[in-house]
Amino acid sequence: VGTAYTCEVEGINMGGKTGTAEYGNPGSDGKLPSHGWFVAAAPIDNPELALVVFVENGRGAQEAGELAESIMRYHFRVPAK
């Protein structure tokens, strides 16, 4: 599952990949600012939905994965946890 655990939707066999893209200049903490993204397709054996979620200046891939989970739940009519 790796870092994609934030996008798990029970009953839906999906594939996905998270990512964090650093950019710009380091902040006062020495870290670069970053964008978070998540790409997914479901159901993996015969996809009917493919999506990319990009979160500008987000908390990294976790935030993008959480948004992707909401989209998947809406599309497949799976109630929220």
PDB file of N, CA and C in Angstrom:
ATOM      1  N   VAL A   1       0.823  -1.184   0.000  1.00  0.00           N
ATOM      2  CA  VAL A   1       0.000   0.000   0.000  1.00  0.00           C
ATOM      3  C   VAL A   1       0.872   1.253   0.000  1.00  0.00           C
ATOM      4  N   GLY A   2       1.948   1.303   0.733  1.00  0.00           N
ATOM      5  CA  GLY A   2       2.825   2.462   0.747  1.00  0.00           C
ATOM      6  C   GLY A   2       2.114   3.715   1.209  1.00  0.00           C
ATOM      7  N   THR A   3       2.464   4.860   0.603  1.00  0.00           N
ATOM      8  CA  THR A   3       1.862   6.130   1.013  1.00  0.00           C
ATOM      9  C   THR A   3       0.468   6.333   0.441  1.00  0.00           C
ATOM     10  N   ALA A   4      -0.016   5.430  -0.395  1.00  0.00           N
ATOM     11  CA  ALA A   4      -1.354   5.553  -0.980  1.00  0.00           C
ATOM     12  C   ALA A   4      -2.455   5.094  -0.016  1.00  0.00           C
ATOM     13  N   TYR A   5      -2.095   4.716   1.201  1.00  0.00           N
ATOM     14  CA  TYR A   5      -3.100   4.223   2.152  1.00  0.00           C
ATOM     15  C   TYR A   5      -4.205   5.243   2.417  1.00  0.00           C
ATOM     16  N   THR A   6      -3.938   6.526   2.227  1.00  0.00           N
ATOM     17  CA  THR A   6      -4.951   7.547   2.496  1.00  0.00           C
ATOM     18  C   THR A   6      -6.080   7.523   1.476  1.00  0.00           C
ATOM     19  N   CYS A   7      -5.910   6.758   0.405  1.00  0.00           N
ATOM     20  CA  CYS A   7      -6.927   6.738  -0.651  1.00  0.00           C
ATOM     21  C   CYS A   7      -7.660   5.408  -0.736  1.00  0.00           C
ATOM     22  N   GLU A   8      -7.466   4.523   0.185  1.00  0.00           N
ATOM     23  CA  GLU A   8      -8.145   3.230   0.130  1.00  0.00           C
ATOM     24  C   GLU A   8      -9.656   3.391   0.245  1.00  0.00           C
ATOM     25  N   VAL A   9     -10.365   2.696  -0.647  1.00  0.00           N
ATOM     26  CA  VAL A   9     -11.827   2.670  -0.603  1.00  0.00           C
ATOM     27  C   VAL A   9     -12.235   1.205  -0.573  1.00  0.00           C
ATOM     28  N   GLU A  10     -12.881   0.792   0.506  1.00  0.00           N
ATOM     29  CA  GLU A  10     -13.245  -0.606   0.664  1.00  0.00           C
ATOM     30  C   GLU A  10     -14.122  -1.062  -0.507  1.00  0.00           C
ATOM     31  N   GLY A  11     -13.806  -2.257  -1.028  1.00  0.00           N
ATOM     32  CA  GLY A  11     -14.589  -2.833  -2.113  1.00  0.00           C
ATOM     33  C   GLY A  11     -14.158  -2.391  -3.503  1.00  0.00           C
ATOM     34  N   ILE A  12     -13.217  -1.452  -3.607  1.00  0.00           N
ATOM     35  CA  ILE A  12     -12.749  -0.975  -4.904  1.00  0.00           C
ATOM     36  C   ILE A  12     -11.278  -1.345  -5.049  1.00  0.00           C
ATOM     37  N   ASN A  13     -10.965  -2.174  -6.046  1.00  0.00           N
ATOM     38  CA  ASN A  13      -9.591  -2.561  -6.326  1.00  0.00           C
ATOM     39  C   ASN A  13      -8.998  -1.520  -7.255  1.00  0.00           C
ATOM     40  N   MET A  14      -8.151  -0.671  -6.712  1.00  0.00           N
ATOM     41  CA  MET A  14      -7.612   0.431  -7.495  1.00  0.00           C
ATOM     42  C   MET A  14      -6.091   0.422  -7.473  1.00  0.00           C
ATOM     43  N   GLY A  15      -5.529   1.127  -8.429  1.00  0.00           N
ATOM     44  CA  GLY A  15      -4.086   1.324  -8.466  1.00  0.00           C
ATOM     45  C   GLY A  15      -3.819   2.811  -8.369  1.00  0.00           C
ATOM     46  N   GLY A  16      -2.744   3.188  -7.713  1.00  0.00           N
ATOM     47  CA  GLY A  16      -2.450   4.599  -7.581  1.00  0.00           C
ATOM     48  C   GLY A  16      -1.002   4.855  -7.245  1.00  0.00           C
ATOM     49  N   LYS A  17      -0.603   6.115  -7.420  1.00  0.00           N
ATOM     50  CA  LYS A  17       0.765   6.524  -7.116  1.00  0.00           C
ATOM     51  C   LYS A  17       0.731   7.918  -6.520  1.00  0.00           C
ATOM     52  N   THR A  18       1.386   8.104  -5.388  1.00  0.00           N
ATOM     53  CA  THR A  18       1.501   9.409  -4.758  1.00  0.00           C
ATOM     54  C   THR A  18       2.805  10.064  -5.175  1.00  0.00           C
ATOM     55  N   GLY A  19       2.869  11.353  -4.968  1.00  0.00           N
ATOM     56  CA  GLY A  19       4.108  12.060  -5.250  1.00  0.00           C
ATOM     57  C   GLY A  19       4.143  13.416  -4.590  1.00  0.00           C
ATOM     58  N   THR A  20       5.342  13.905  -4.368  1.00  0.00           N
ATOM     59  CA  THR A  20       5.559  15.242  -3.833  1.00  0.00           C
ATOM     60  C   THR A  20       6.589  15.912  -4.725  1.00  0.00           C
ATOM     61  N   ALA A  21       6.274  17.103  -5.215  1.00  0.00           N
ATOM     62  CA  ALA A  21       7.175  17.847  -6.090  1.00  0.00           C
ATOM     63  C   ALA A  21       7.677  19.083  -5.367  1.00  0.00           C
ATOM     64  N   GLU A  22       8.962  19.102  -5.073  1.00  0.00           N
ATOM     65  CA  GLU A  22       9.553  20.263  -4.413  1.00  0.00           C
ATOM     66  C   GLU A  22       9.884  21.334  -5.448  1.00  0.00           C
ATOM     67  N   TYR A  23       9.855  22.591  -5.022  1.00  0.00           N
ATOM     68  CA  TYR A  23      10.142  23.686  -5.940  1.00  0.00           C
ATOM     69  C   TYR A  23      10.659  24.890  -5.153  1.00  0.00           C
ATOM     70  N   GLY A  24      11.188  25.868  -5.856  1.00  0.00           N
ATOM     71  CA  GLY A  24      11.539  27.155  -5.256  1.00  0.00           C
ATOM     72  C   GLY A  24      12.746  27.125  -4.358  1.00  0.00           C
ATOM     73  N   ASN A  25      12.726  28.034  -3.404  1.00  0.00           N
ATOM     74  CA  ASN A  25      13.839  28.217  -2.472  1.00  0.00           C
ATOM     75  C   ASN A  25      13.470  27.684  -1.093  1.00  0.00           C
ATOM     76  N   PRO A  26      14.474  27.193  -0.375  1.00  0.00           N
ATOM     77  CA  PRO A  26      14.204  26.679   0.967  1.00  0.00           C
ATOM     78  C   PRO A  26      13.632  27.756   1.888  1.00  0.00           C
ATOM     79  N   GLY A  27      12.746  27.329   2.788  1.00  0.00           N
ATOM     80  CA  GLY A  27      12.194  28.226   3.792  1.00  0.00           C
ATOM     81  C   GLY A  27      13.158  28.379   4.950  1.00  0.00           C
ATOM     82  N   SER A  28      12.730  29.055   5.997  1.00  0.00           N
ATOM     83  CA  SER A  28      13.583  29.280   7.170  1.00  0.00           C
ATOM     84  C   SER A  28      13.957  27.967   7.859  1.00  0.00           C
ATOM     85  N   ASP A  29      13.151  26.911   7.621  1.00  0.00           N
ATOM     86  CA  ASP A  29      13.447  25.597   8.200  1.00  0.00           C
ATOM     87  C   ASP A  29      14.404  24.781   7.329  1.00  0.00           C
ATOM     88  N   GLY A  30      14.822  25.352   6.186  1.00  0.00           N
ATOM     89  CA  GLY A  30      15.745  24.659   5.284  1.00  0.00           C
ATOM     90  C   GLY A  30      15.068  23.713   4.314  1.00  0.00           C
ATOM     91  N   LYS A  31      13.749  23.577   4.403  1.00  0.00           N
ATOM     92  CA  LYS A  31      13.022  22.667   3.519  1.00  0.00           C
ATOM     93  C   LYS A  31      12.445  23.431   2.328  1.00  0.00           C
ATOM     94  N   LEU A  32      12.367  22.739   1.204  1.00  0.00           N
ATOM     95  CA  LEU A  32      11.750  23.321   0.021  1.00  0.00           C
ATOM     96  C   LEU A  32      10.234  23.221   0.121  1.00  0.00           C
ATOM     97  N   PRO A  33       9.505  24.228  -0.381  1.00  0.00           N
ATOM     98  CA  PRO A  33       8.053  24.086  -0.447  1.00  0.00           C
ATOM     99  C   PRO A  33       7.709  22.977  -1.443  1.00  0.00           C
ATOM    100  N   SER A  34       6.500  22.421  -1.336  1.00  0.00           N
ATOM    101  CA  SER A  34       6.165  21.306  -2.225  1.00  0.00           C
ATOM    102  C   SER A  34       4.696  21.292  -2.609  1.00  0.00           C
ATOM    103  N   HIS A  35       4.444  20.635  -3.730  1.00  0.00           N
ATOM    104  CA  HIS A  35       3.096  20.343  -4.201  1.00  0.00           C
ATOM    105  C   HIS A  35       2.886  18.842  -3.985  1.00  0.00           C
ATOM    106  N   GLY A  36       1.659  18.437  -3.710  1.00  0.00           N
ATOM    107  CA  GLY A  36       1.352  17.018  -3.568  1.00  0.00           C
ATOM    108  C   GLY A  36       0.455  16.570  -4.708  1.00  0.00           C
ATOM    109  N   TRP A  37       0.623  15.326  -5.156  1.00  0.00           N
ATOM    110  CA  TRP A  37      -0.235  14.807  -6.210  1.00  0.00           C
ATOM    111  C   TRP A  37      -0.516  13.326  -5.988  1.00  0.00           C
ATOM    112  N   PHE A  38      -1.578  12.886  -6.620  1.00  0.00           N
ATOM    113  CA  PHE A  38      -1.969  11.478  -6.574  1.00  0.00           C
ATOM    114  C   PHE A  38      -2.630  11.143  -7.903  1.00  0.00           C
ATOM    115  N   VAL A  39      -2.228  10.058  -8.511  1.00  0.00           N
ATOM    116  CA  VAL A  39      -2.830   9.583  -9.754  1.00  0.00           C
ATOM    117  C   VAL A  39      -3.379   8.181  -9.492  1.00  0.00           C
ATOM    118  N   ALA A  40      -4.565   7.885 -10.029  1.00  0.00           N
ATOM    119  CA  ALA A  40      -5.193   6.590  -9.746  1.00  0.00           C
ATOM    120  C   ALA A  40      -6.105   6.154 -10.882  1.00  0.00           C
ATOM    121  N   ALA A  41      -6.366   4.857 -10.927  1.00  0.00           N
ATOM    122  CA  ALA A  41      -7.347   4.271 -11.846  1.00  0.00           C
ATOM    123  C   ALA A  41      -8.079   3.170 -11.097  1.00  0.00           C
ATOM    124  N   ALA A  42      -9.384   3.031 -11.388  1.00  0.00           N
ATOM    125  CA  ALA A  42     -10.184   2.014 -10.687  1.00  0.00           C
ATOM    126  C   ALA A  42     -11.402   1.641 -11.524  1.00  0.00           C
ATOM    127  N   PRO A  43     -11.884   0.422 -11.399  1.00  0.00           N
ATOM    128  CA  PRO A  43     -11.173  -0.726 -10.807  1.00  0.00           C
ATOM    129  C   PRO A  43      -9.973  -1.089 -11.681  1.00  0.00           C
ATOM    130  N   ILE A  44      -8.934  -1.561 -11.067  1.00  0.00           N
ATOM    131  CA  ILE A  44      -7.655  -1.748 -11.738  1.00  0.00           C
ATOM    132  C   ILE A  44      -7.725  -2.748 -12.892  1.00  0.00           C
ATOM    133  N   ASP A  45      -8.589  -3.761 -12.797  1.00  0.00           N
ATOM    134  CA  ASP A  45      -8.652  -4.782 -13.858  1.00  0.00           C
ATOM    135  C   ASP A  45      -9.431  -4.313 -15.089  1.00  0.00           C
ATOM    136  N   ASN A  46     -10.267  -3.289 -14.961  1.00  0.00           N
ATOM    137  CA  ASN A  46     -11.033  -2.741 -16.088  1.00  0.00           C
ATOM    138  C   ASN A  46     -11.451  -1.310 -15.720  1.00  0.00           C
ATOM    139  N   PRO A  47     -10.510  -0.356 -15.767  1.00  0.00           N
ATOM    140  CA  PRO A  47     -10.772   0.992 -15.250  1.00  0.00           C
ATOM    141  C   PRO A  47     -11.946   1.701 -15.919  1.00  0.00           C
ATOM    142  N   GLU A  48     -12.771   2.306 -15.088  1.00  0.00           N
ATOM    143  CA  GLU A  48     -13.826   3.189 -15.577  1.00  0.00           C
ATOM    144  C   GLU A  48     -13.585   4.609 -15.089  1.00  0.00           C
ATOM    145  N   LEU A  49     -12.617   4.776 -14.180  1.00  0.00           N
ATOM    146  CA  LEU A  49     -12.278   6.094 -13.667  1.00  0.00           C
ATOM    147  C   LEU A  49     -10.761   6.218 -13.562  1.00  0.00           C
ATOM    148  N   ALA A  50     -10.229   7.287 -14.120  1.00  0.00           N
ATOM    149  CA  ALA A  50      -8.817   7.642 -13.951  1.00  0.00           C
ATOM    150  C   ALA A  50      -8.791   9.083 -13.477  1.00  0.00           C
ATOM    151  N   LEU A  51      -7.914   9.387 -12.547  1.00  0.00           N
ATOM    152  CA  LEU A  51      -7.868  10.755 -12.049  1.00  0.00           C
ATOM    153  C   LEU A  51      -6.468  11.143 -11.614  1.00  0.00           C
ATOM    154  N   VAL A  52      -6.241  12.445 -11.637  1.00  0.00           N
ATOM    155  CA  VAL A  52      -5.027  13.045 -11.092  1.00  0.00           C
ATOM    156  C   VAL A  52      -5.478  14.172 -10.173  1.00  0.00           C
ATOM    157  N   VAL A  53      -5.000  14.151  -8.954  1.00  0.00           N
ATOM    158  CA  VAL A  53      -5.286  15.222  -8.005  1.00  0.00           C
ATOM    159  C   VAL A  53      -3.957  15.919  -7.717  1.00  0.00           C
ATOM    160  N   PHE A  54      -3.927  17.224  -7.930  1.00  0.00           N
ATOM    161  CA  PHE A  54      -2.736  18.040  -7.700  1.00  0.00           C
ATOM    162  C   PHE A  54      -3.083  19.100  -6.670  1.00  0.00           C
ATOM    163  N   VAL A  55      -2.331  19.170  -5.574  1.00  0.00           N
ATOM    164  CA  VAL A  55      -2.588  20.137  -4.521  1.00  0.00           C
ATOM    165  C   VAL A  55      -1.403  21.105  -4.458  1.00  0.00           C
ATOM    166  N   GLU A  56      -1.637  22.311  -4.937  1.00  0.00           N
ATOM    167  CA  GLU A  56      -0.593  23.328  -4.928  1.00  0.00           C
ATOM    168  C   GLU A  56      -0.288  23.739  -3.490  1.00  0.00           C
ATOM    169  N   ASN A  57       0.988  23.738  -3.150  1.00  0.00           N
ATOM    170  CA  ASN A  57       1.437  24.105  -1.796  1.00  0.00           C
ATOM    171  C   ASN A  57       0.731  23.286  -0.721  1.00  0.00           C
ATOM    172  N   GLY A  58       0.433  22.025  -1.029  1.00  0.00           N
ATOM    173  CA  GLY A  58      -0.294  21.165  -0.097  1.00  0.00           C
ATOM    174  C   GLY A  58       0.604  20.522   0.933  1.00  0.00           C
ATOM    175  N   ARG A  59       0.004  19.655   1.752  1.00  0.00           N
ATOM    176  CA  ARG A  59       0.754  18.920   2.779  1.00  0.00           C
ATOM    177  C   ARG A  59       1.450  17.717   2.170  1.00  0.00           C
ATOM    178  N   GLY A  60       1.714  17.757   0.899  1.00  0.00           N
ATOM    179  CA  GLY A  60       2.326  16.634   0.232  1.00  0.00           C
ATOM    180  C   GLY A  60       1.273  15.688  -0.303  1.00  0.00           C
ATOM    181  N   ALA A  61       1.695  14.489  -0.592  1.00  0.00           N
ATOM    182  CA  ALA A  61       0.828  13.511  -1.239  1.00  0.00           C
ATOM    183  C   ALA A  61      -0.347  13.081  -0.365  1.00  0.00           C
ATOM    184  N   GLN A  62      -0.235  13.186   0.944  1.00  0.00           N
ATOM    185  CA  GLN A  62      -1.322  12.756   1.828  1.00  0.00           C
ATOM    186  C   GLN A  62      -2.599  13.539   1.535  1.00  0.00           C
ATOM    187  N   GLU A  63      -2.496  14.833   1.407  1.00  0.00           N
ATOM    188  CA  GLU A  63      -3.675  15.655   1.143  1.00  0.00           C
ATOM    189  C   GLU A  63      -4.287  15.311  -0.214  1.00  0.00           C
ATOM    190  N   ALA A  64      -3.462  15.108  -1.229  1.00  0.00           N
ATOM    191  CA  ALA A  64      -3.967  14.731  -2.553  1.00  0.00           C
ATOM    192  C   ALA A  64      -4.650  13.368  -2.494  1.00  0.00           C
ATOM    193  N   GLY A  65      -4.084  12.427  -1.732  1.00  0.00           N
ATOM    194  CA  GLY A  65      -4.696  11.108  -1.582  1.00  0.00           C
ATOM    195  C   GLY A  65      -6.049  11.167  -0.902  1.00  0.00           C
ATOM    196  N   GLU A  66      -6.178  12.028   0.091  1.00  0.00           N
ATOM    197  CA  GLU A  66      -7.461  12.173   0.794  1.00  0.00           C
ATOM    198  C   GLU A  66      -8.528  12.730  -0.142  1.00  0.00           C
ATOM    199  N   LEU A  67      -8.157  13.691  -0.985  1.00  0.00           N
ATOM    200  CA  LEU A  67      -9.110  14.231  -1.959  1.00  0.00           C
ATOM    201  C   LEU A  67      -9.485  13.177  -3.002  1.00  0.00           C
ATOM    202  N   ALA A  68      -8.507  12.397  -3.444  1.00  0.00           N
ATOM    203  CA  ALA A  68      -8.782  11.330  -4.403  1.00  0.00           C
ATOM    204  C   ALA A  68      -9.735  10.297  -3.814  1.00  0.00           C
ATOM    205  N   GLU A  69      -9.563   9.994  -2.532  1.00  0.00           N
ATOM    206  CA  GLU A  69     -10.476   9.057  -1.868  1.00  0.00           C
ATOM    207  C   GLU A  69     -11.909   9.574  -1.942  1.00  0.00           C
ATOM    208  N   SER A  70     -12.113  10.851  -1.673  1.00  0.00           N
ATOM    209  CA  SER A  70     -13.454  11.434  -1.736  1.00  0.00           C
ATOM    210  C   SER A  70     -14.048  11.329  -3.130  1.00  0.00           C
ATOM    211  N   ILE A  71     -13.236  11.582  -4.139  1.00  0.00           N
ATOM    212  CA  ILE A  71     -13.701  11.482  -5.526  1.00  0.00           C
ATOM    213  C   ILE A  71     -14.076  10.043  -5.859  1.00  0.00           C
ATOM    214  N   MET A  72     -13.232   9.095  -5.454  1.00  0.00           N
ATOM    215  CA  MET A  72     -13.515   7.671  -5.699  1.00  0.00           C
ATOM    216  C   MET A  72     -14.811   7.257  -5.000  1.00  0.00           C
ATOM    217  N   ARG A  73     -14.973   7.650  -3.746  1.00  0.00           N
ATOM    218  CA  ARG A  73     -16.189   7.295  -3.005  1.00  0.00           C
ATOM    219  C   ARG A  73     -17.426   7.863  -3.696  1.00  0.00           C
ATOM    220  N   TYR A  74     -17.355   9.095  -4.147  1.00  0.00           N
ATOM    221  CA  TYR A  74     -18.487   9.719  -4.834  1.00  0.00           C
ATOM    222  C   TYR A  74     -18.804   8.965  -6.128  1.00  0.00           C
ATOM    223  N   HIS A  75     -17.788   8.697  -6.922  1.00  0.00           N
ATOM    224  CA  HIS A  75     -17.997   8.041  -8.215  1.00  0.00           C
ATOM    225  C   HIS A  75     -18.586   6.638  -8.051  1.00  0.00           C
ATOM    226  N   PHE A  76     -18.043   5.875  -7.123  1.00  0.00           N
ATOM    227  CA  PHE A  76     -18.472   4.490  -6.936  1.00  0.00           C
ATOM    228  C   PHE A  76     -19.590   4.354  -5.898  1.00  0.00           C
ATOM    229  N   ARG A  77     -20.082   5.463  -5.387  1.00  0.00           N
ATOM    230  CA  ARG A  77     -21.187   5.498  -4.419  1.00  0.00           C
ATOM    231  C   ARG A  77     -20.888   4.666  -3.166  1.00  0.00           C
ATOM    232  N   VAL A  78     -19.686   4.864  -2.633  1.00  0.00           N
ATOM    233  CA  VAL A  78     -19.277   4.195  -1.397  1.00  0.00           C
ATOM    234  C   VAL A  78     -19.342   5.243  -0.287  1.00  0.00           C
ATOM    235  N   PRO A  79     -20.152   5.023   0.746  1.00  0.00           N
ATOM    236  CA  PRO A  79     -20.286   6.011   1.821  1.00  0.00           C
ATOM    237  C   PRO A  79     -18.953   6.279   2.518  1.00  0.00           C
ATOM    238  N   ALA A  80     -18.822   7.473   3.052  1.00  0.00           N
ATOM    239  CA  ALA A  80     -17.619   7.839   3.808  1.00  0.00           C
ATOM    240  C   ALA A  80     -17.496   6.958   5.033  1.00  0.00           C
ATOM    241  N   LYS A  81     -16.273   6.803   5.497  1.00  0.00           N
ATOM    242  CA  LYS A  81     -15.997   5.977   6.684  1.00  0.00           C
ATOM    243  C   LYS A  81     -16.660   6.559   7.895  1.00  0.00           C
TER     244      LYS A  81
END
